Amino acid sequence: MSPEDRFRRVYAGNFEALLAYATRRVEQPDDAADVVAETFLVAWRRSADLPADDEIRLWLYGVARRLLANHHRSGIRRERLGERLRQCLTAVSTCDPGSEVPQRLAVQAALRRLNDTDREMLLLTVWEGLHPREAAKVVGVSPSAARTRLSRARARLRGLIGDDPDAPGHVLGVLAVPVPEEGR
């Protein structure tokens, strides 16, 4: 009997039993079908090493068992990765200083009134947390030009919002996010 004929016979004689075995051990029927397909792929690749006919089903169960273990481990890894991503997304969505400030609309309106360069420098350093030298690379200017632009942008925004903490529209602490010192 040729190796192909033997494989066909092994497949036909064990497919349903392996599918039932895998189905009872996974949550989704599609996953069981994948495990069975991978099991027979291993059997096909190792057709020269298959045990005798009276032991083949046990060997296939052993292969399926290891593939199921891999499937469960990868599911756990996917869940952990998903949880880490959800935590990162939560952290990102709560880090926006404007979302915690009741007068954020006033700040957004003032930002819209700034020119594009000033707005970009402020957003890169305050919202994105970049150092001025990093923002300089993003906008394509020298670090000293970036520091100058940032200083001027802050002054223009203060002019639009106001410096008086008791005045309407003043948003205390919005631009008080510490910008790390950097060497010149």
N, C-alpha and C. Protein backbone atom coordinates (compact mmCIF):
# COMPACT_ATOMS: atom_id res chain seq x y z
N MET A 1 0.86 -1.18 0.00
CA MET A 1 0.00 0.00 0.00
C MET A 1 0.90 1.24 0.00
N SER A 2 0.56 2.22 -0.85
CA SER A 2 1.36 3.44 -0.95
C SER A 2 1.13 4.32 0.28
N PRO A 3 2.08 5.21 0.56
CA PRO A 3 1.90 6.12 1.70
C PRO A 3 0.63 6.98 1.57
N GLU A 4 0.29 7.38 0.35
CA GLU A 4 -0.91 8.19 0.16
C GLU A 4 -2.17 7.39 0.49
N ASP A 5 -2.21 6.14 0.05
CA ASP A 5 -3.36 5.29 0.34
C ASP A 5 -3.50 5.04 1.85
N ARG A 6 -2.37 4.81 2.50
CA ARG A 6 -2.41 4.59 3.95
C ARG A 6 -2.91 5.85 4.65
N PHE A 7 -2.42 7.01 4.22
CA PHE A 7 -2.86 8.26 4.85
C PHE A 7 -4.37 8.44 4.65
N ARG A 8 -4.86 8.18 3.45
CA ARG A 8 -6.31 8.31 3.20
C ARG A 8 -7.10 7.40 4.14
N ARG A 9 -6.62 6.17 4.33
CA ARG A 9 -7.30 5.22 5.21
C ARG A 9 -7.24 5.71 6.67
N VAL A 10 -6.09 6.21 7.10
CA VAL A 10 -5.95 6.75 8.46
C VAL A 10 -6.88 7.94 8.65
N TYR A 11 -6.91 8.80 7.65
CA TYR A 11 -7.78 9.97 7.72
C TYR A 11 -9.25 9.56 7.82
N ALA A 12 -9.68 8.72 6.92
CA ALA A 12 -11.09 8.30 6.89
C ALA A 12 -11.48 7.57 8.18
N GLY A 13 -10.58 6.79 8.72
CA GLY A 13 -10.91 6.02 9.91
C GLY A 13 -10.84 6.79 11.21
N ASN A 14 -10.23 7.97 11.22
CA ASN A 14 -10.00 8.68 12.48
C ASN A 14 -10.53 10.12 12.51
N PHE A 15 -10.95 10.63 11.38
CA PHE A 15 -11.37 12.03 11.31
C PHE A 15 -12.49 12.35 12.31
N GLU A 16 -13.56 11.59 12.27
CA GLU A 16 -14.71 11.89 13.13
C GLU A 16 -14.36 11.79 14.60
N ALA A 17 -13.60 10.77 14.98
CA ALA A 17 -13.21 10.61 16.39
C ALA A 17 -12.34 11.79 16.84
N LEU A 18 -11.41 12.20 16.01
CA LEU A 18 -10.55 13.35 16.37
C LEU A 18 -11.35 14.64 16.43
N LEU A 19 -12.29 14.82 15.51
CA LEU A 19 -13.11 16.03 15.53
C LEU A 19 -13.95 16.08 16.80
N ALA A 20 -14.52 14.96 17.20
CA ALA A 20 -15.30 14.92 18.44
C ALA A 20 -14.41 15.21 19.63
N TYR A 21 -13.21 14.63 19.65
CA TYR A 21 -12.24 14.85 20.72
C TYR A 21 -11.90 16.34 20.84
N ALA A 22 -11.59 16.97 19.71
CA ALA A 22 -11.20 18.39 19.72
C ALA A 22 -12.39 19.29 20.05
N THR A 23 -13.57 18.96 19.55
CA THR A 23 -14.76 19.78 19.78
C THR A 23 -15.09 19.87 21.26
N ARG A 24 -14.89 18.77 21.99
CA ARG A 24 -15.17 18.78 23.42
C ARG A 24 -14.16 19.59 24.21
N ARG A 25 -13.08 20.01 23.60
CA ARG A 25 -12.01 20.67 24.33
C ARG A 25 -11.78 22.13 23.93
N VAL A 26 -12.57 22.64 23.01
CA VAL A 26 -12.45 24.05 22.61
C VAL A 26 -13.82 24.71 22.68
N GLU A 27 -13.80 26.03 22.67
CA GLU A 27 -15.07 26.78 22.76
C GLU A 27 -15.76 26.92 21.42
N GLN A 28 -15.00 27.05 20.35
CA GLN A 28 -15.56 27.28 19.02
C GLN A 28 -15.35 26.07 18.12
N PRO A 29 -16.38 25.63 17.40
CA PRO A 29 -16.22 24.50 16.47
C PRO A 29 -15.15 24.73 15.41
N ASP A 30 -14.98 25.98 15.00
CA ASP A 30 -13.95 26.28 14.00
C ASP A 30 -12.56 25.96 14.54
N ASP A 31 -12.36 26.20 15.84
CA ASP A 31 -11.07 25.89 16.45
C ASP A 31 -10.82 24.38 16.44
N ALA A 32 -11.87 23.61 16.68
CA ALA A 32 -11.73 22.15 16.65
C ALA A 32 -11.35 21.69 15.24
N ALA A 33 -11.97 22.26 14.24
CA ALA A 33 -11.65 21.91 12.85
C ALA A 33 -10.19 22.25 12.54
N ASP A 34 -9.72 23.39 13.05
CA ASP A 34 -8.32 23.78 12.83
C ASP A 34 -7.36 22.78 13.49
N VAL A 35 -7.69 22.38 14.71
CA VAL A 35 -6.83 21.42 15.42
C VAL A 35 -6.77 20.10 14.66
N VAL A 36 -7.91 19.62 14.18
CA VAL A 36 -7.94 18.36 13.44
C VAL A 36 -7.15 18.50 12.13
N ALA A 37 -7.32 19.61 11.45
CA ALA A 37 -6.57 19.83 10.20
C ALA A 37 -5.07 19.84 10.47
N GLU A 38 -4.65 20.52 11.54
CA GLU A 38 -3.23 20.55 11.88
C GLU A 38 -2.73 19.16 12.28
N THR A 39 -3.57 18.40 12.97
CA THR A 39 -3.19 17.04 13.36
C THR A 39 -2.90 16.19 12.13
N PHE A 40 -3.79 16.27 11.16
CA PHE A 40 -3.57 15.47 9.95
C PHE A 40 -2.44 16.04 9.09
N LEU A 41 -2.17 17.31 9.21
CA LEU A 41 -1.00 17.87 8.52
C LEU A 41 0.28 17.27 9.10
N VAL A 42 0.34 17.20 10.43
CA VAL A 42 1.49 16.56 11.07
C VAL A 42 1.60 15.11 10.62
N ALA A 43 0.46 14.42 10.59
CA ALA A 43 0.47 13.01 10.16
C ALA A 43 0.96 12.88 8.72
N TRP A 44 0.54 13.78 7.87
CA TRP A 44 0.97 13.74 6.46
C TRP A 44 2.48 13.99 6.35
N ARG A 45 2.96 14.98 7.07
CA ARG A 45 4.38 15.31 7.01
C ARG A 45 5.23 14.18 7.58
N ARG A 46 4.70 13.48 8.56
CA ARG A 46 5.46 12.41 9.21
C ARG A 46 4.94 11.03 8.80
N SER A 47 4.38 10.93 7.62
CA SER A 47 3.75 9.67 7.18
C SER A 47 4.72 8.50 7.21
N ALA A 48 5.99 8.75 6.99
CA ALA A 48 6.97 7.67 7.05
C ALA A 48 7.20 7.19 8.48
N ASP A 49 6.89 8.03 9.46
CA ASP A 49 7.13 7.69 10.87
C ASP A 49 5.88 7.26 11.62
N LEU A 50 4.75 7.13 10.92
CA LEU A 50 3.50 6.78 11.61
C LEU A 50 3.61 5.40 12.25
N PRO A 51 3.04 5.26 13.44
CA PRO A 51 3.08 3.94 14.11
C PRO A 51 2.18 2.93 13.39
N ALA A 52 2.19 1.75 13.90
CA ALA A 52 1.38 0.67 13.32
C ALA A 52 -0.09 1.03 13.41
N ASP A 53 -0.91 0.36 12.57
CA ASP A 53 -2.33 0.69 12.48
C ASP A 53 -3.07 0.60 13.81
N ASP A 54 -2.69 -0.35 14.68
CA ASP A 54 -3.41 -0.49 15.95
C ASP A 54 -3.04 0.61 16.94
N GLU A 55 -2.00 1.39 16.67
CA GLU A 55 -1.58 2.48 17.57
C GLU A 55 -1.77 3.87 16.95
N ILE A 56 -2.19 3.92 15.70
CA ILE A 56 -2.27 5.21 15.01
C ILE A 56 -3.24 6.18 15.66
N ARG A 57 -4.41 5.70 16.11
CA ARG A 57 -5.39 6.59 16.72
C ARG A 57 -4.82 7.22 17.99
N LEU A 58 -4.14 6.43 18.81
CA LEU A 58 -3.54 6.97 20.03
C LEU A 58 -2.48 8.01 19.70
N TRP A 59 -1.70 7.74 18.66
CA TRP A 59 -0.68 8.69 18.22
C TRP A 59 -1.35 10.00 17.76
N LEU A 60 -2.43 9.88 16.99
CA LEU A 60 -3.15 11.08 16.53
C LEU A 60 -3.74 11.85 17.71
N TYR A 61 -4.28 11.13 18.71
CA TYR A 61 -4.78 11.80 19.91
C TYR A 61 -3.65 12.57 20.61
N GLY A 62 -2.48 11.97 20.67
CA GLY A 62 -1.34 12.64 21.29
C GLY A 62 -0.95 13.92 20.55
N VAL A 63 -0.94 13.84 19.22
CA VAL A 63 -0.64 15.04 18.42
C VAL A 63 -1.72 16.09 18.65
N ALA A 64 -2.99 15.67 18.60
CA ALA A 64 -4.09 16.62 18.80
C ALA A 64 -4.02 17.24 20.19
N ARG A 65 -3.66 16.44 21.18
CA ARG A 65 -3.56 16.95 22.56
C ARG A 65 -2.51 18.06 22.65
N ARG A 66 -1.36 17.85 22.04
CA ARG A 66 -0.31 18.89 22.05
C ARG A 66 -0.75 20.13 21.27
N LEU A 67 -1.43 19.92 20.16
CA LEU A 67 -1.93 21.07 19.39
C LEU A 67 -2.99 21.83 20.18
N LEU A 68 -3.83 21.12 20.91
CA LEU A 68 -4.83 21.78 21.77
C LEU A 68 -4.16 22.59 22.87
N ALA A 69 -3.10 22.04 23.44
CA ALA A 69 -2.36 22.78 24.47
C ALA A 69 -1.78 24.06 23.88
N ASN A 70 -1.21 23.96 22.68
CA ASN A 70 -0.69 25.16 22.01
C ASN A 70 -1.82 26.15 21.74
N HIS A 71 -2.97 25.64 21.32
CA HIS A 71 -4.12 26.49 21.04
C HIS A 71 -4.55 27.24 22.30
N HIS A 72 -4.62 26.55 23.41
CA HIS A 72 -5.03 27.19 24.67
C HIS A 72 -3.99 28.20 25.13
N ARG A 73 -2.70 27.87 25.01
CA ARG A 73 -1.65 28.82 25.40
C ARG A 73 -1.71 30.08 24.54
N SER A 74 -1.91 29.89 23.24
CA SER A 74 -1.98 31.07 22.37
C SER A 74 -3.23 31.90 22.68
N GLY A 75 -4.33 31.23 23.07
CA GLY A 75 -5.53 31.97 23.48
C GLY A 75 -5.27 32.80 24.72
N ILE A 76 -4.54 32.23 25.68
CA ILE A 76 -4.20 32.96 26.90
C ILE A 76 -3.31 34.14 26.55
N ARG A 77 -2.33 33.93 25.66
CA ARG A 77 -1.46 35.04 25.25
C ARG A 77 -2.27 36.14 24.56
N ARG A 78 -3.23 35.73 23.71
CA ARG A 78 -4.07 36.74 23.03
C ARG A 78 -4.88 37.52 24.04
N GLU A 79 -5.43 36.84 25.05
CA GLU A 79 -6.21 37.53 26.08
C GLU A 79 -5.35 38.50 26.86
N ARG A 80 -4.13 38.07 27.22
CA ARG A 80 -3.22 38.96 27.97
C ARG A 80 -2.84 40.17 27.12
N LEU A 81 -2.54 39.92 25.85
CA LEU A 81 -2.19 41.02 24.96
C LEU A 81 -3.37 41.97 24.82
N GLY A 82 -4.57 41.42 24.65
CA GLY A 82 -5.76 42.25 24.55
C GLY A 82 -5.96 43.09 25.80
N GLU A 83 -5.74 42.50 26.97
CA GLU A 83 -5.88 43.25 28.22
C GLU A 83 -4.84 44.37 28.29
N ARG A 84 -3.59 44.08 27.91
CA ARG A 84 -2.56 45.13 27.91
C ARG A 84 -2.93 46.24 26.95
N LEU A 85 -3.44 45.88 25.77
CA LEU A 85 -3.84 46.91 24.81
C LEU A 85 -5.00 47.75 25.34
N ARG A 86 -5.99 47.07 26.00
CA ARG A 86 -7.10 47.83 26.58
C ARG A 86 -6.60 48.79 27.65
N GLN A 87 -5.63 48.36 28.47
CA GLN A 87 -5.07 49.24 29.49
C GLN A 87 -4.34 50.41 28.86
N CYS A 88 -3.60 50.14 27.78
CA CYS A 88 -2.89 51.22 27.09
C CYS A 88 -3.89 52.21 26.50
N LEU A 89 -4.94 51.70 25.88
CA LEU A 89 -5.94 52.59 25.29
C LEU A 89 -6.64 53.40 26.37
N THR A 90 -6.91 52.79 27.52
CA THR A 90 -7.53 53.52 28.62
C THR A 90 -6.58 54.61 29.11
N ALA A 91 -5.29 54.25 29.24
CA ALA A 91 -4.31 55.22 29.71
C ALA A 91 -4.19 56.37 28.73
N VAL A 92 -4.18 56.05 27.43
CA VAL A 92 -4.05 57.10 26.42
C VAL A 92 -5.28 57.99 26.44
N SER A 93 -6.46 57.40 26.57
CA SER A 93 -7.67 58.20 26.51
C SER A 93 -7.85 59.05 27.76
N THR A 94 -7.20 58.69 28.88
CA THR A 94 -7.35 59.50 30.09
C THR A 94 -6.18 60.46 30.29
N CYS A 95 -5.16 60.41 29.41
CA CYS A 95 -4.00 61.28 29.58
C CYS A 95 -4.20 62.65 28.96
N ASP A 96 -5.23 62.86 28.20
CA ASP A 96 -5.47 64.14 27.55
C ASP A 96 -5.82 65.17 28.62
N PRO A 97 -4.93 66.17 28.87
CA PRO A 97 -5.23 67.15 29.91
C PRO A 97 -6.54 67.89 29.66
N GLY A 98 -6.89 68.10 28.40
CA GLY A 98 -8.12 68.81 28.09
C GLY A 98 -9.37 68.06 28.50
N SER A 99 -9.31 66.73 28.57
CA SER A 99 -10.51 65.96 28.90
C SER A 99 -10.87 66.08 30.37
N GLU A 100 -9.92 66.50 31.22
CA GLU A 100 -10.19 66.62 32.64
C GLU A 100 -10.44 68.07 33.07
N VAL A 101 -10.43 68.98 32.13
CA VAL A 101 -10.59 70.39 32.47
C VAL A 101 -11.99 70.84 32.05
N PRO A 102 -12.75 71.37 33.01
CA PRO A 102 -14.13 71.76 32.68
C PRO A 102 -14.21 72.81 31.57
N GLN A 103 -13.22 73.63 31.46
CA GLN A 103 -13.25 74.68 30.44
C GLN A 103 -12.49 74.28 29.19
N ARG A 104 -12.45 72.97 28.88
CA ARG A 104 -11.65 72.52 27.73
C ARG A 104 -12.11 73.16 26.42
N LEU A 105 -13.37 73.50 26.33
CA LEU A 105 -13.83 74.15 25.09
C LEU A 105 -13.16 75.49 24.89
N ALA A 106 -12.92 76.21 25.99
CA ALA A 106 -12.22 77.50 25.88
C ALA A 106 -10.78 77.28 25.41
N VAL A 107 -10.15 76.26 25.92
CA VAL A 107 -8.78 75.96 25.51
C VAL A 107 -8.76 75.54 24.05
N GLN A 108 -9.69 74.68 23.65
CA GLN A 108 -9.73 74.24 22.26
C GLN A 108 -10.01 75.41 21.32
N ALA A 109 -10.89 76.30 21.74
CA ALA A 109 -11.17 77.48 20.91
C ALA A 109 -9.93 78.34 20.78
N ALA A 110 -9.21 78.52 21.88
CA ALA A 110 -7.98 79.32 21.84
C ALA A 110 -6.94 78.64 20.96
N LEU A 111 -6.83 77.34 21.05
CA LEU A 111 -5.88 76.62 20.21
C LEU A 111 -6.23 76.78 18.73
N ARG A 112 -7.51 76.75 18.42
CA ARG A 112 -7.93 76.93 17.02
C ARG A 112 -7.59 78.33 16.50
N ARG A 113 -7.54 79.29 17.39
CA ARG A 113 -7.22 80.66 16.97
C ARG A 113 -5.73 80.85 16.75
N LEU A 114 -4.90 79.95 17.25
CA LEU A 114 -3.46 80.05 17.02
C LEU A 114 -3.14 79.62 15.58
N ASN A 115 -1.99 80.08 15.09
CA ASN A 115 -1.59 79.61 13.76
C ASN A 115 -1.14 78.14 13.86
N ASP A 116 -1.02 77.50 12.72
CA ASP A 116 -0.72 76.07 12.68
C ASP A 116 0.59 75.73 13.40
N THR A 117 1.61 76.56 13.21
CA THR A 117 2.92 76.29 13.81
C THR A 117 2.84 76.34 15.33
N ASP A 118 2.22 77.38 15.86
CA ASP A 118 2.09 77.51 17.32
C ASP A 118 1.28 76.35 17.89
N ARG A 119 0.16 76.05 17.26
CA ARG A 119 -0.70 74.98 17.75
C ARG A 119 0.05 73.65 17.74
N GLU A 120 0.78 73.37 16.66
CA GLU A 120 1.50 72.10 16.57
C GLU A 120 2.58 71.99 17.64
N MET A 121 3.31 73.07 17.89
CA MET A 121 4.35 73.03 18.93
C MET A 121 3.74 72.78 20.30
N LEU A 122 2.64 73.44 20.60
CA LEU A 122 1.98 73.23 21.90
C LEU A 122 1.44 71.81 22.02
N LEU A 123 0.79 71.32 20.99
CA LEU A 123 0.21 69.98 21.06
C LEU A 123 1.30 68.90 21.16
N LEU A 124 2.39 69.09 20.44
CA LEU A 124 3.46 68.09 20.51
C LEU A 124 4.12 68.05 21.88
N THR A 125 4.30 69.21 22.50
CA THR A 125 4.99 69.22 23.79
C THR A 125 4.06 68.96 24.96
N VAL A 126 2.85 69.49 24.94
CA VAL A 126 1.95 69.32 26.08
C VAL A 126 1.15 68.04 25.95
N TRP A 127 0.43 67.87 24.85
CA TRP A 127 -0.45 66.71 24.72
C TRP A 127 0.34 65.43 24.45
N GLU A 128 1.33 65.50 23.57
CA GLU A 128 2.09 64.30 23.21
C GLU A 128 3.27 64.06 24.12
N GLY A 129 3.64 65.05 24.93
CA GLY A 129 4.71 64.86 25.91
C GLY A 129 6.11 64.83 25.33
N LEU A 130 6.30 65.41 24.15
CA LEU A 130 7.63 65.42 23.55
C LEU A 130 8.46 66.55 24.14
N HIS A 131 9.76 66.33 24.19
CA HIS A 131 10.69 67.40 24.56
C HIS A 131 10.74 68.37 23.38
N PRO A 132 11.09 69.63 23.63
CA PRO A 132 11.19 70.57 22.51
C PRO A 132 12.15 70.10 21.41
N ARG A 133 13.26 69.45 21.79
CA ARG A 133 14.19 68.96 20.76
C ARG A 133 13.54 67.86 19.92
N GLU A 134 12.66 67.05 20.53
CA GLU A 134 11.95 66.01 19.77
C GLU A 134 10.90 66.63 18.86
N ALA A 135 10.19 67.63 19.38
CA ALA A 135 9.21 68.34 18.55
C ALA A 135 9.91 69.02 17.37
N ALA A 136 11.13 69.48 17.60
CA ALA A 136 11.90 70.12 16.52
C ALA A 136 12.11 69.15 15.37
N LYS A 137 12.43 67.90 15.69
CA LYS A 137 12.62 66.91 14.63
C LYS A 137 11.32 66.65 13.89
N VAL A 138 10.21 66.63 14.62
CA VAL A 138 8.91 66.36 13.99
C VAL A 138 8.56 67.45 13.00
N VAL A 139 8.76 68.72 13.40
CA VAL A 139 8.36 69.82 12.51
C VAL A 139 9.49 70.25 11.57
N GLY A 140 10.70 69.69 11.76
CA GLY A 140 11.79 69.97 10.84
C GLY A 140 12.49 71.30 11.06
N VAL A 141 12.69 71.67 12.33
CA VAL A 141 13.43 72.89 12.64
C VAL A 141 14.53 72.54 13.64
N SER A 142 15.40 73.50 13.91
CA SER A 142 16.46 73.27 14.89
C SER A 142 15.87 73.28 16.30
N PRO A 143 16.54 72.66 17.27
CA PRO A 143 16.04 72.66 18.65
C PRO A 143 15.88 74.08 19.21
N SER A 144 16.79 74.98 18.88
CA SER A 144 16.66 76.34 19.41
C SER A 144 15.46 77.05 18.78
N ALA A 145 15.21 76.80 17.51
CA ALA A 145 14.02 77.40 16.86
C ALA A 145 12.75 76.82 17.48
N ALA A 146 12.78 75.55 17.81
CA ALA A 146 11.61 74.93 18.43
C ALA A 146 11.34 75.54 19.80
N ARG A 147 12.39 75.75 20.59
CA ARG A 147 12.20 76.36 21.92
C ARG A 147 11.65 77.78 21.79
N THR A 148 12.14 78.51 20.80
CA THR A 148 11.64 79.88 20.58
C THR A 148 10.17 79.84 20.16
N ARG A 149 9.85 78.97 19.22
CA ARG A 149 8.46 78.85 18.76
C ARG A 149 7.54 78.43 19.91
N LEU A 150 8.02 77.50 20.74
CA LEU A 150 7.21 77.03 21.86
C LEU A 150 6.97 78.16 22.86
N SER A 151 8.00 78.93 23.15
CA SER A 151 7.85 80.05 24.09
C SER A 151 6.85 81.07 23.55
N ARG A 152 6.97 81.39 22.29
CA ARG A 152 6.04 82.34 21.68
C ARG A 152 4.62 81.79 21.62
N ALA A 153 4.49 80.50 21.34
CA ALA A 153 3.16 79.88 21.28
C ALA A 153 2.50 79.90 22.65
N ARG A 154 3.27 79.64 23.70
CA ARG A 154 2.72 79.69 25.06
C ARG A 154 2.25 81.10 25.39
N ALA A 155 3.06 82.08 25.01
CA ALA A 155 2.69 83.47 25.29
C ALA A 155 1.41 83.85 24.54
N ARG A 156 1.29 83.44 23.29
CA ARG A 156 0.09 83.75 22.51
C ARG A 156 -1.14 83.06 23.11
N LEU A 157 -0.98 81.81 23.55
CA LEU A 157 -2.11 81.11 24.15
C LEU A 157 -2.51 81.75 25.46
N ARG A 158 -1.53 82.16 26.28
CA ARG A 158 -1.85 82.87 27.52
C ARG A 158 -2.60 84.16 27.21
N GLY A 159 -2.22 84.81 26.14
CA GLY A 159 -2.91 86.03 25.75
C GLY A 159 -4.36 85.76 25.36
N LEU A 160 -4.62 84.64 24.73
CA LEU A 160 -5.98 84.30 24.33
C LEU A 160 -6.83 83.82 25.50
N ILE A 161 -6.21 83.10 26.42
CA ILE A 161 -6.96 82.57 27.56
C ILE A 161 -6.99 83.57 28.71
N GLY A 162 -5.89 84.26 28.93
CA GLY A 162 -5.80 85.23 30.01
C GLY A 162 -4.93 84.72 31.13
N ASP A 163 -4.37 85.65 31.89
CA ASP A 163 -3.49 85.30 33.01
C ASP A 163 -4.19 85.40 34.34
N ASP A 164 -5.34 86.06 34.39
CA ASP A 164 -6.04 86.27 35.65
C ASP A 164 -6.81 85.01 36.02
N PRO A 165 -6.44 84.35 37.14
CA PRO A 165 -7.13 83.11 37.50
C PRO A 165 -8.60 83.31 37.79
N ASP A 166 -9.02 84.54 38.13
CA ASP A 166 -10.43 84.77 38.43
C ASP A 166 -11.24 85.19 37.22
N ALA A 167 -10.57 85.46 36.11
CA ALA A 167 -11.28 85.91 34.92
C ALA A 167 -11.99 84.74 34.26
N PRO A 168 -13.16 85.00 33.66
CA PRO A 168 -13.85 83.91 32.96
C PRO A 168 -13.00 83.42 31.79
N GLY A 169 -13.02 82.13 31.59
CA GLY A 169 -12.27 81.56 30.48
C GLY A 169 -10.86 81.16 30.86
N HIS A 170 -10.40 81.55 32.06
CA HIS A 170 -9.05 81.16 32.44
C HIS A 170 -9.07 79.68 32.84
N VAL A 171 -8.11 78.95 32.38
CA VAL A 171 -8.03 77.53 32.68
C VAL A 171 -6.73 77.31 33.44
N LEU A 172 -6.84 77.23 34.74
CA LEU A 172 -5.68 77.10 35.60
C LEU A 172 -5.02 75.74 35.41
N GLY A 173 -3.73 75.75 35.18
CA GLY A 173 -2.97 74.52 35.14
C GLY A 173 -2.94 73.79 33.82
N VAL A 174 -3.65 74.23 32.81
CA VAL A 174 -3.67 73.49 31.55
C VAL A 174 -2.29 73.45 30.93
N LEU A 175 -1.61 74.58 30.93
CA LEU A 175 -0.27 74.63 30.35
C LEU A 175 0.81 74.49 31.41
N ALA A 176 0.41 74.12 32.62
CA ALA A 176 1.36 73.94 33.68
C ALA A 176 1.90 72.52 33.71
N VAL A 177 1.61 71.77 32.66
CA VAL A 177 2.18 70.43 32.56
C VAL A 177 3.68 70.59 32.50
N PRO A 178 4.42 69.93 33.37
CA PRO A 178 5.86 70.14 33.38
C PRO A 178 6.51 69.69 32.08
N VAL A 179 7.28 70.58 31.52
CA VAL A 179 8.05 70.25 30.32
C VAL A 179 9.47 70.01 30.81
N PRO A 180 10.00 68.79 30.60
CA PRO A 180 11.32 68.46 31.13
C PRO A 180 12.39 69.40 30.61
N GLU A 181 13.33 69.70 31.50
CA GLU A 181 14.47 70.52 31.10
C GLU A 181 15.35 69.67 30.19
N GLU A 182 16.00 70.31 29.28
CA GLU A 182 16.91 69.57 28.43
C GLU A 182 18.16 70.39 28.21
N GLY A 183 19.25 69.71 27.98
CA GLY A 183 20.51 70.39 27.76
C GLY A 183 20.52 71.12 26.44
N ARG A 184 21.23 72.20 26.38
CA ARG A 184 21.29 72.97 25.14
C ARG A 184 22.53 72.69 24.38
